[in-house]
PDB file of all heavy atoms in Angstrom:
ATOM      1  N   ALA A   1      -2.940 -17.276 -10.667  1.00  0.00           N
ATOM      2  CA  ALA A   1      -1.822 -16.432 -10.239  1.00  0.00           C
ATOM      3  C   ALA A   1      -2.146 -15.651  -8.975  1.00  0.00           C
ATOM      4  O   ALA A   1      -3.239 -15.083  -8.840  1.00  0.00           O
ATOM      5  CB  ALA A   1      -1.437 -15.454 -11.355  1.00  0.00           C
ATOM      6  N   VAL A   2      -1.186 -15.626  -8.059  1.00  0.00           N
ATOM      7  CA  VAL A   2      -1.219 -14.736  -6.902  1.00  0.00           C
ATOM      8  C   VAL A   2      -0.238 -13.609  -7.193  1.00  0.00           C
ATOM      9  O   VAL A   2       0.954 -13.855  -7.410  1.00  0.00           O
ATOM     10  CB  VAL A   2      -0.829 -15.471  -5.608  1.00  0.00           C
ATOM     11  CG1 VAL A   2      -0.771 -14.498  -4.435  1.00  0.00           C
ATOM     12  CG2 VAL A   2      -1.806 -16.601  -5.323  1.00  0.00           C
ATOM     13  N   VAL A   3      -0.737 -12.382  -7.211  1.00  0.00           N
ATOM     14  CA  VAL A   3       0.039 -11.233  -7.688  1.00  0.00           C
ATOM     15  C   VAL A   3       0.485 -10.354  -6.528  1.00  0.00           C
ATOM     16  O   VAL A   3      -0.327  -9.924  -5.709  1.00  0.00           O
ATOM     17  CB  VAL A   3      -0.803 -10.402  -8.681  1.00  0.00           C
ATOM     18  CG1 VAL A   3      -0.028  -9.170  -9.144  1.00  0.00           C
ATOM     19  CG2 VAL A   3      -1.209 -11.260  -9.876  1.00  0.00           C
ATOM     20  N   GLY A   4       1.779 -10.085  -6.473  1.00  0.00           N
ATOM     21  CA  GLY A   4       2.338  -9.146  -5.506  1.00  0.00           C
ATOM     22  C   GLY A   4       2.371  -7.752  -6.096  1.00  0.00           C
ATOM     23  O   GLY A   4       2.820  -7.561  -7.233  1.00  0.00           O
ATOM     24  N   THR A   5       1.898  -6.761  -5.339  1.00  0.00           N
ATOM     25  CA  THR A   5       1.686  -5.430  -5.917  1.00  0.00           C
ATOM     26  C   THR A   5       2.649  -4.350  -5.444  1.00  0.00           C
ATOM     27  O   THR A   5       2.681  -3.260  -6.009  1.00  0.00           O
ATOM     28  CB  THR A   5       0.259  -4.945  -5.607  1.00  0.00           C
ATOM     29  OG1 THR A   5       0.104  -4.833  -4.179  1.00  0.00           O
ATOM     30  CG2 THR A   5      -0.777  -5.915  -6.156  1.00  0.00           C
ATOM     31  N   ASN A   6       3.423  -4.639  -4.385  1.00  0.00           N
ATOM     32  CA  ASN A   6       4.268  -3.566  -3.848  1.00  0.00           C
ATOM     33  C   ASN A   6       5.323  -4.184  -2.931  1.00  0.00           C
ATOM     34  O   ASN A   6       5.320  -5.389  -2.666  1.00  0.00           O
ATOM     35  CB  ASN A   6       3.419  -2.551  -3.079  1.00  0.00           C
ATOM     36  CG  ASN A   6       4.036  -1.167  -3.053  1.00  0.00           C
ATOM     37  OD1 ASN A   6       5.230  -0.994  -3.360  1.00  0.00           O
ATOM     38  ND2 ASN A   6       3.258  -0.167  -2.703  1.00  0.00           N
ATOM     39  N   VAL A   7       6.232  -3.334  -2.441  1.00  0.00           N
ATOM     40  CA  VAL A   7       7.275  -3.754  -1.513  1.00  0.00           C
ATOM     41  C   VAL A   7       7.340  -2.749  -0.375  1.00  0.00           C
ATOM     42  O   VAL A   7       7.361  -1.536  -0.615  1.00  0.00           O
ATOM     43  CB  VAL A   7       8.661  -3.827  -2.193  1.00  0.00           C
ATOM     44  CG1 VAL A   7       9.715  -4.342  -1.207  1.00  0.00           C
ATOM     45  CG2 VAL A   7       8.615  -4.685  -3.446  1.00  0.00           C
ATOM     46  N   ASP A   8       7.366  -3.248   0.848  1.00  0.00           N
ATOM     47  CA  ASP A   8       7.582  -2.397   2.018  1.00  0.00           C
ATOM     48  C   ASP A   8       8.932  -2.743   2.632  1.00  0.00           C
ATOM     49  O   ASP A   8       9.241  -3.928   2.834  1.00  0.00           O
ATOM     50  CB  ASP A   8       6.488  -2.614   3.067  1.00  0.00           C
ATOM     51  CG  ASP A   8       5.182  -1.916   2.703  1.00  0.00           C
ATOM     52  OD1 ASP A   8       5.226  -1.029   1.830  1.00  0.00           O
ATOM     53  OD2 ASP A   8       4.141  -2.260   3.281  1.00  0.00           O
ATOM     54  N   SER A   9       9.719  -1.712   2.938  1.00  0.00           N
ATOM     55  CA  SER A   9      11.023  -1.981   3.552  1.00  0.00           C
ATOM     56  C   SER A   9      11.383  -0.921   4.588  1.00  0.00           C
ATOM     57  O   SER A   9      12.531  -0.528   4.715  1.00  0.00           O
ATOM     58  CB  SER A   9      12.117  -2.057   2.487  1.00  0.00           C
ATOM     59  OG  SER A   9      12.280  -0.808   1.839  1.00  0.00           O
ATOM     60  N   SER A  10      10.391  -0.468   5.334  1.00  0.00           N
ATOM     61  CA  SER A  10      10.660   0.520   6.371  1.00  0.00           C
ATOM     62  C   SER A  10      11.317  -0.159   7.573  1.00  0.00           C
ATOM     63  O   SER A  10      10.818  -1.187   8.062  1.00  0.00           O
ATOM     64  CB  SER A  10       9.358   1.192   6.809  1.00  0.00           C
ATOM     65  OG  SER A  10       9.571   1.955   7.977  1.00  0.00           O
ATOM     66  N   PRO A  11      12.414   0.384   8.092  1.00  0.00           N
ATOM     67  CA  PRO A  11      13.090  -0.233   9.241  1.00  0.00           C
ATOM     68  C   PRO A  11      12.257  -0.200  10.514  1.00  0.00           C
ATOM     69  O   PRO A  11      12.547  -0.925  11.457  1.00  0.00           O
ATOM     70  CB  PRO A  11      14.367   0.590   9.384  1.00  0.00           C
ATOM     71  CG  PRO A  11      14.049   1.908   8.756  1.00  0.00           C
ATOM     72  CD  PRO A  11      13.123   1.588   7.616  1.00  0.00           C
ATOM     73  N   ILE A  12      11.215   0.623  10.551  1.00  0.00           N
ATOM     74  CA  ILE A  12      10.390   0.716  11.758  1.00  0.00           C
ATOM     75  C   ILE A  12       9.080  -0.065  11.601  1.00  0.00           C
ATOM     76  O   ILE A  12       8.216  -0.001  12.468  1.00  0.00           O
ATOM     77  CB  ILE A  12      10.086   2.187  12.117  1.00  0.00           C
ATOM     78  CG1 ILE A  12       9.332   2.885  10.984  1.00  0.00           C
ATOM     79  CG2 ILE A  12      11.373   2.930  12.458  1.00  0.00           C
ATOM     80  CD1 ILE A  12       8.865   4.286  11.342  1.00  0.00           C
ATOM     81  N   ASP A  13       8.952  -0.799  10.491  1.00  0.00           N
ATOM     82  CA  ASP A  13       7.758  -1.600  10.231  1.00  0.00           C
ATOM     83  C   ASP A  13       8.134  -3.075  10.337  1.00  0.00           C
ATOM     84  O   ASP A  13       8.894  -3.590   9.514  1.00  0.00           O
ATOM     85  CB  ASP A  13       7.211  -1.285   8.833  1.00  0.00           C
ATOM     86  CG  ASP A  13       5.950  -2.066   8.502  1.00  0.00           C
ATOM     87  OD1 ASP A  13       5.482  -2.831   9.371  1.00  0.00           O
ATOM     88  OD2 ASP A  13       5.447  -1.914   7.375  1.00  0.00           O
ATOM     89  N   ASN A  14       7.618  -3.760  11.341  1.00  0.00           N
ATOM     90  CA  ASN A  14       7.965  -5.168  11.537  1.00  0.00           C
ATOM     91  C   ASN A  14       7.634  -6.035  10.331  1.00  0.00           C
ATOM     92  O   ASN A  14       8.301  -7.035  10.070  1.00  0.00           O
ATOM     93  CB  ASN A  14       7.251  -5.713  12.780  1.00  0.00           C
ATOM     94  CG  ASN A  14       7.821  -5.174  14.073  1.00  0.00           C
ATOM     95  OD1 ASN A  14       8.987  -4.773  14.123  1.00  0.00           O
ATOM     96  ND2 ASN A  14       7.013  -5.162  15.129  1.00  0.00           N
ATOM     97  N   ASP A  15       6.592  -5.654   9.584  1.00  0.00           N
ATOM     98  CA  ASP A  15       6.209  -6.441   8.417  1.00  0.00           C
ATOM     99  C   ASP A  15       7.303  -6.452   7.353  1.00  0.00           C
ATOM    100  O   ASP A  15       7.374  -7.374   6.540  1.00  0.00           O
ATOM    101  CB  ASP A  15       4.914  -5.901   7.817  1.00  0.00           C
ATOM    102  CG  ASP A  15       3.721  -6.102   8.740  1.00  0.00           C
ATOM    103  OD1 ASP A  15       3.739  -7.085   9.505  1.00  0.00           O
ATOM    104  OD2 ASP A  15       2.796  -5.270   8.717  1.00  0.00           O
ATOM    105  N   SER A  16       8.145  -5.442   7.350  1.00  0.00           N
ATOM    106  CA  SER A  16       9.208  -5.361   6.352  1.00  0.00           C
ATOM    107  C   SER A  16      10.295  -6.405   6.574  1.00  0.00           C
ATOM    108  O   SER A  16      11.129  -6.635   5.697  1.00  0.00           O
ATOM    109  CB  SER A  16       9.849  -3.967   6.364  1.00  0.00           C
ATOM    110  OG  SER A  16       8.897  -2.969   6.057  1.00  0.00           O
ATOM    111  N   TYR A  17      10.292  -7.029   7.736  1.00  0.00           N
ATOM    112  CA  TYR A  17      11.328  -8.006   8.057  1.00  0.00           C
ATOM    113  C   TYR A  17      10.924  -9.424   7.675  1.00  0.00           C
ATOM    114  O   TYR A  17      11.770 -10.323   7.686  1.00  0.00           O
ATOM    115  CB  TYR A  17      11.661  -7.938   9.548  1.00  0.00           C
ATOM    116  CG  TYR A  17      12.375  -6.654   9.922  1.00  0.00           C
ATOM    117  CD1 TYR A  17      11.661  -5.478  10.153  1.00  0.00           C
ATOM    118  CD2 TYR A  17      13.760  -6.605  10.004  1.00  0.00           C
ATOM    119  CE1 TYR A  17      12.305  -4.295  10.468  1.00  0.00           C
ATOM    120  CE2 TYR A  17      14.422  -5.425  10.327  1.00  0.00           C
ATOM    121  CZ  TYR A  17      13.685  -4.275  10.555  1.00  0.00           C
ATOM    122  OH  TYR A  17      14.330  -3.098  10.864  1.00  0.00           O
ATOM    123  N   CYS A  18       9.654  -9.637   7.351  1.00  0.00           N
ATOM    124  CA  CYS A  18       9.213 -10.967   6.952  1.00  0.00           C
ATOM    125  C   CYS A  18       9.881 -11.345   5.630  1.00  0.00           C
ATOM    126  O   CYS A  18       9.799 -10.604   4.647  1.00  0.00           O
ATOM    127  CB  CYS A  18       7.686 -11.009   6.791  1.00  0.00           C
ATOM    128  SG  CYS A  18       7.036 -12.679   6.575  1.00  0.00           S
ATOM    129  N   GLY A  19      10.552 -12.476   5.620  1.00  0.00           N
ATOM    130  CA  GLY A  19      11.247 -12.910   4.417  1.00  0.00           C
ATOM    131  C   GLY A  19      12.641 -12.349   4.269  1.00  0.00           C
ATOM    132  O   GLY A  19      13.348 -12.718   3.329  1.00  0.00           O
ATOM    133  N   GLY A  20      13.038 -11.449   5.158  1.00  0.00           N
ATOM    134  CA  GLY A  20      14.390 -10.894   5.087  1.00  0.00           C
ATOM    135  C   GLY A  20      14.382  -9.420   4.745  1.00  0.00           C
ATOM    136  O   GLY A  20      14.046  -9.036   3.615  1.00  0.00           O
ATOM    137  N   TYR A  21      14.735  -8.590   5.706  1.00  0.00           N
ATOM    138  CA  TYR A  21      14.674  -7.141   5.511  1.00  0.00           C
ATOM    139  C   TYR A  21      15.601  -6.672   4.386  1.00  0.00           C
ATOM    140  O   TYR A  21      15.219  -5.856   3.548  1.00  0.00           O
ATOM    141  CB  TYR A  21      15.032  -6.422   6.816  1.00  0.00           C
ATOM    142  CG  TYR A  21      15.077  -4.915   6.681  1.00  0.00           C
ATOM    143  CD1 TYR A  21      13.907  -4.185   6.510  1.00  0.00           C
ATOM    144  CD2 TYR A  21      16.295  -4.231   6.688  1.00  0.00           C
ATOM    145  CE1 TYR A  21      13.934  -2.811   6.354  1.00  0.00           C
ATOM    146  CE2 TYR A  21      16.329  -2.847   6.535  1.00  0.00           C
ATOM    147  CZ  TYR A  21      15.154  -2.143   6.374  1.00  0.00           C
ATOM    148  OH  TYR A  21      15.190  -0.779   6.224  1.00  0.00           O
ATOM    149  N   THR A  22      16.825  -7.191   4.349  1.00  0.00           N
ATOM    150  CA  THR A  22      17.784  -6.764   3.326  1.00  0.00           C
ATOM    151  C   THR A  22      17.272  -7.049   1.930  1.00  0.00           C
ATOM    152  O   THR A  22      17.409  -6.221   1.012  1.00  0.00           O
ATOM    153  CB  THR A  22      19.139  -7.454   3.542  1.00  0.00           C
ATOM    154  OG1 THR A  22      19.626  -7.140   4.845  1.00  0.00           O
ATOM    155  CG2 THR A  22      20.154  -6.988   2.508  1.00  0.00           C
ATOM    156  N   LEU A  23      16.677  -8.225   1.745  1.00  0.00           N
ATOM    157  CA  LEU A  23      16.128  -8.564   0.432  1.00  0.00           C
ATOM    158  C   LEU A  23      14.999  -7.617   0.055  1.00  0.00           C
ATOM    159  O   LEU A  23      14.877  -7.206  -1.109  1.00  0.00           O
ATOM    160  CB  LEU A  23      15.621 -10.009   0.439  1.00  0.00           C
ATOM    161  CG  LEU A  23      16.693 -11.097   0.537  1.00  0.00           C
ATOM    162  CD1 LEU A  23      16.036 -12.467   0.652  1.00  0.00           C
ATOM    163  CD2 LEU A  23      17.617 -11.054  -0.661  1.00  0.00           C
ATOM    164  N   ASN A  24      14.163  -7.263   1.011  1.00  0.00           N
ATOM    165  CA  ASN A  24      13.068  -6.340   0.715  1.00  0.00           C
ATOM    166  C   ASN A  24      13.570  -4.951   0.371  1.00  0.00           C
ATOM    167  O   ASN A  24      12.991  -4.266  -0.478  1.00  0.00           O
ATOM    168  CB  ASN A  24      12.099  -6.295   1.892  1.00  0.00           C
ATOM    169  CG  ASN A  24      11.321  -7.593   2.052  1.00  0.00           C
ATOM    170  OD1 ASN A  24      11.015  -8.267   1.070  1.00  0.00           O
ATOM    171  ND2 ASN A  24      11.007  -7.958   3.284  1.00  0.00           N
ATOM    172  N   VAL A  25      14.658  -4.519   1.014  1.00  0.00           N
ATOM    173  CA  VAL A  25      15.259  -3.230   0.658  1.00  0.00           C
ATOM    174  C   VAL A  25      15.725  -3.257  -0.797  1.00  0.00           C
ATOM    175  O   VAL A  25      15.492  -2.316  -1.566  1.00  0.00           O
ATOM    176  CB  VAL A  25      16.438  -2.899   1.596  1.00  0.00           C
ATOM    177  CG1 VAL A  25      17.217  -1.694   1.073  1.00  0.00           C
ATOM    178  CG2 VAL A  25      15.928  -2.624   3.007  1.00  0.00           C
ATOM    179  N   GLY A  26      16.386  -4.354  -1.193  1.00  0.00           N
ATOM    180  CA  GLY A  26      16.838  -4.469  -2.576  1.00  0.00           C
ATOM    181  C   GLY A  26      15.695  -4.473  -3.562  1.00  0.00           C
ATOM    182  O   GLY A  26      15.761  -3.828  -4.622  1.00  0.00           O
ATOM    183  N   LEU A  27      14.617  -5.171  -3.212  1.00  0.00           N
ATOM    184  CA  LEU A  27      13.466  -5.236  -4.109  1.00  0.00           C
ATOM    185  C   LEU A  27      12.751  -3.896  -4.210  1.00  0.00           C
ATOM    186  O   LEU A  27      12.211  -3.555  -5.269  1.00  0.00           O
ATOM    187  CB  LEU A  27      12.499  -6.323  -3.637  1.00  0.00           C
ATOM    188  CG  LEU A  27      12.983  -7.756  -3.851  1.00  0.00           C
ATOM    189  CD1 LEU A  27      12.133  -8.743  -3.058  1.00  0.00           C
ATOM    190  CD2 LEU A  27      12.961  -8.117  -5.333  1.00  0.00           C
ATOM    191  N   GLU A  28      12.748  -3.126  -3.135  1.00  0.00           N
ATOM    192  CA  GLU A  28      12.142  -1.798  -3.225  1.00  0.00           C
ATOM    193  C   GLU A  28      12.970  -0.891  -4.119  1.00  0.00           C
ATOM    194  O   GLU A  28      12.429  -0.046  -4.841  1.00  0.00           O
ATOM    195  CB  GLU A  28      11.981  -1.181  -1.835  1.00  0.00           C
ATOM    196  CG  GLU A  28      11.210   0.133  -1.871  1.00  0.00           C
ATOM    197  CD  GLU A  28      10.648   0.525  -0.528  1.00  0.00           C
ATOM    198  OE1 GLU A  28      11.265   0.211   0.501  1.00  0.00           O
ATOM    199  OE2 GLU A  28       9.575   1.179  -0.513  1.00  0.00           O
ATOM    200  N   THR A  29      14.276  -1.095  -4.116  1.00  0.00           N
ATOM    201  CA  THR A  29      15.145  -0.310  -5.002  1.00  0.00           C
ATOM    202  C   THR A  29      14.865  -0.628  -6.462  1.00  0.00           C
ATOM    203  O   THR A  29      14.744   0.280  -7.299  1.00  0.00           O
ATOM    204  CB  THR A  29      16.619  -0.591  -4.676  1.00  0.00           C
ATOM    205  OG1 THR A  29      16.878  -0.238  -3.322  1.00  0.00           O
ATOM    206  CG2 THR A  29      17.543   0.199  -5.600  1.00  0.00           C
ATOM    207  N   THR A  30      14.747  -1.908  -6.788  1.00  0.00           N
ATOM    208  CA  THR A  30      14.519  -2.282  -8.185  1.00  0.00           C
ATOM    209  C   THR A  30      13.137  -1.874  -8.682  1.00  0.00           C
ATOM    210  O   THR A  30      12.915  -1.793  -9.898  1.00  0.00           O
ATOM    211  CB  THR A  30      14.698  -3.804  -8.390  1.00  0.00           C
ATOM    212  OG1 THR A  30      13.819  -4.517  -7.506  1.00  0.00           O
ATOM    213  CG2 THR A  30      16.136  -4.221  -8.108  1.00  0.00           C
ATOM    214  N   GLN A  31      12.239  -1.575  -7.772  1.00  0.00           N
ATOM    215  CA  GLN A  31      10.925  -1.084  -8.186  1.00  0.00           C
ATOM    216  C   GLN A  31      11.030   0.205  -9.003  1.00  0.00           C
ATOM    217  O   GLN A  31      10.136   0.517  -9.787  1.00  0.00           O
ATOM    218  CB  GLN A  31      10.051  -0.817  -6.964  1.00  0.00           C
ATOM    219  CG  GLN A  31       9.274  -2.022  -6.480  1.00  0.00           C
ATOM    220  CD  GLN A  31       8.151  -1.607  -5.555  1.00  0.00           C
ATOM    221  OE1 GLN A  31       8.375  -0.932  -4.557  1.00  0.00           O
ATOM    222  NE2 GLN A  31       6.934  -1.997  -5.873  1.00  0.00           N
ATOM    223  N   ASN A  32      12.103   0.952  -8.816  1.00  0.00           N
ATOM    224  CA  ASN A  32      12.268   2.216  -9.543  1.00  0.00           C
ATOM    225  C   ASN A  32      12.323   2.003 -11.049  1.00  0.00           C
ATOM    226  O   ASN A  32      12.114   2.954 -11.817  1.00  0.00           O
ATOM    227  CB  ASN A  32      13.538   2.930  -9.076  1.00  0.00           C
ATOM    228  CG  ASN A  32      13.452   3.392  -7.634  1.00  0.00           C
ATOM    229  OD1 ASN A  32      12.396   3.830  -7.189  1.00  0.00           O
ATOM    230  ND2 ASN A  32      14.539   3.265  -6.895  1.00  0.00           N
ATOM    231  N   TRP A  33      12.620   0.790 -11.492  1.00  0.00           N
ATOM    232  CA  TRP A  33      12.717   0.508 -12.919  1.00  0.00           C
ATOM    233  C   TRP A  33      11.539  -0.317 -13.417  1.00  0.00           C
ATOM    234  O   TRP A  33      11.571  -0.834 -14.525  1.00  0.00           O
ATOM    235  CB  TRP A  33      14.034  -0.210 -13.207  1.00  0.00           C
ATOM    236  CG  TRP A  33      15.222   0.712 -13.149  1.00  0.00           C
ATOM    237  CD1 TRP A  33      15.806   1.382 -14.195  1.00  0.00           C
ATOM    238  CD2 TRP A  33      15.950   1.086 -11.976  1.00  0.00           C
ATOM    239  NE1 TRP A  33      16.846   2.132 -13.736  1.00  0.00           N
ATOM    240  CE2 TRP A  33      16.973   1.978 -12.388  1.00  0.00           C
ATOM    241  CE3 TRP A  33      15.853   0.769 -10.626  1.00  0.00           C
ATOM    242  CZ2 TRP A  33      17.887   2.540 -11.494  1.00  0.00           C
ATOM    243  CZ3 TRP A  33      16.754   1.326  -9.735  1.00  0.00           C
ATOM    244  CH2 TRP A  33      17.752   2.201 -10.167  1.00  0.00           C
ATOM    245  N   LEU A  34      10.513  -0.428 -12.597  1.00  0.00           N
ATOM    246  CA  LEU A  34       9.335  -1.212 -12.951  1.00  0.00           C
ATOM    247  C   LEU A  34       8.086  -0.338 -12.862  1.00  0.00           C
ATOM    248  O   LEU A  34       8.134   0.788 -12.372  1.00  0.00           O
ATOM    249  CB  LEU A  34       9.197  -2.411 -12.006  1.00  0.00           C
ATOM    250  CG  LEU A  34      10.354  -3.408 -12.006  1.00  0.00           C
ATOM    251  CD1 LEU A  34      10.192  -4.412 -10.859  1.00  0.00           C
ATOM    252  CD2 LEU A  34      10.453  -4.142 -13.340  1.00  0.00           C
ATOM    253  N   ASP A  35       6.960  -0.895 -13.298  1.00  0.00           N
ATOM    254  CA  ASP A  35       5.693  -0.196 -13.157  1.00  0.00           C
ATOM    255  C   ASP A  35       5.388   0.056 -11.680  1.00  0.00           C
ATOM    256  O   ASP A  35       5.938  -0.600 -10.793  1.00  0.00           O
ATOM    257  CB  ASP A  35       4.557  -1.034 -13.747  1.00  0.00           C
ATOM    258  CG  ASP A  35       4.565  -1.027 -15.264  1.00  0.00           C
ATOM    259  OD1 ASP A  35       5.272  -0.186 -15.862  1.00  0.00           O
ATOM    260  OD2 ASP A  35       3.869  -1.882 -15.856  1.00  0.00           O
ATOM    261  N   ASP A  36       4.474   0.977 -11.450  1.00  0.00           N
ATOM    262  CA  ASP A  36       4.079   1.261 -10.064  1.00  0.00           C
ATOM    263  C   ASP A  36       3.563   0.013  -9.369  1.00  0.00           C
ATOM    264  O   ASP A  36       3.745  -0.157  -8.160  1.00  0.00           O
ATOM    265  CB  ASP A  36       3.010   2.360 -10.035  1.00  0.00           C
ATOM    266  CG  ASP A  36       3.556   3.720 -10.425  1.00  0.00           C
ATOM    267  OD1 ASP A  36       4.785   3.900 -10.358  1.00  0.00           O
ATOM    268  OD2 ASP A  36       2.757   4.600 -10.791  1.00  0.00           O
ATOM    269  N   CYS A  37       2.894  -0.845 -10.114  1.00  0.00           N
ATOM    270  CA  CYS A  37       2.385  -2.095  -9.546  1.00  0.00           C
ATOM    271  C   CYS A  37       3.402  -3.200  -9.831  1.00  0.00           C
ATOM    272  O   CYS A  37       3.509  -3.699 -10.961  1.00  0.00           O
ATOM    273  CB  CYS A  37       1.037  -2.451 -10.151  1.00  0.00           C
ATOM    274  SG  CYS A  37       0.242  -3.899  -9.396  1.00  0.00           S
TER     275      CYS A  37
END
């Protein structure tokens, strides 16, 4: 398994746009209902 540990979605961070910025924003929102990791 390759495990993803967090989500970055800052509009001023170019890395947040890899894979789609809007999708990363949504995934950061859903993190509120999940464990910190």
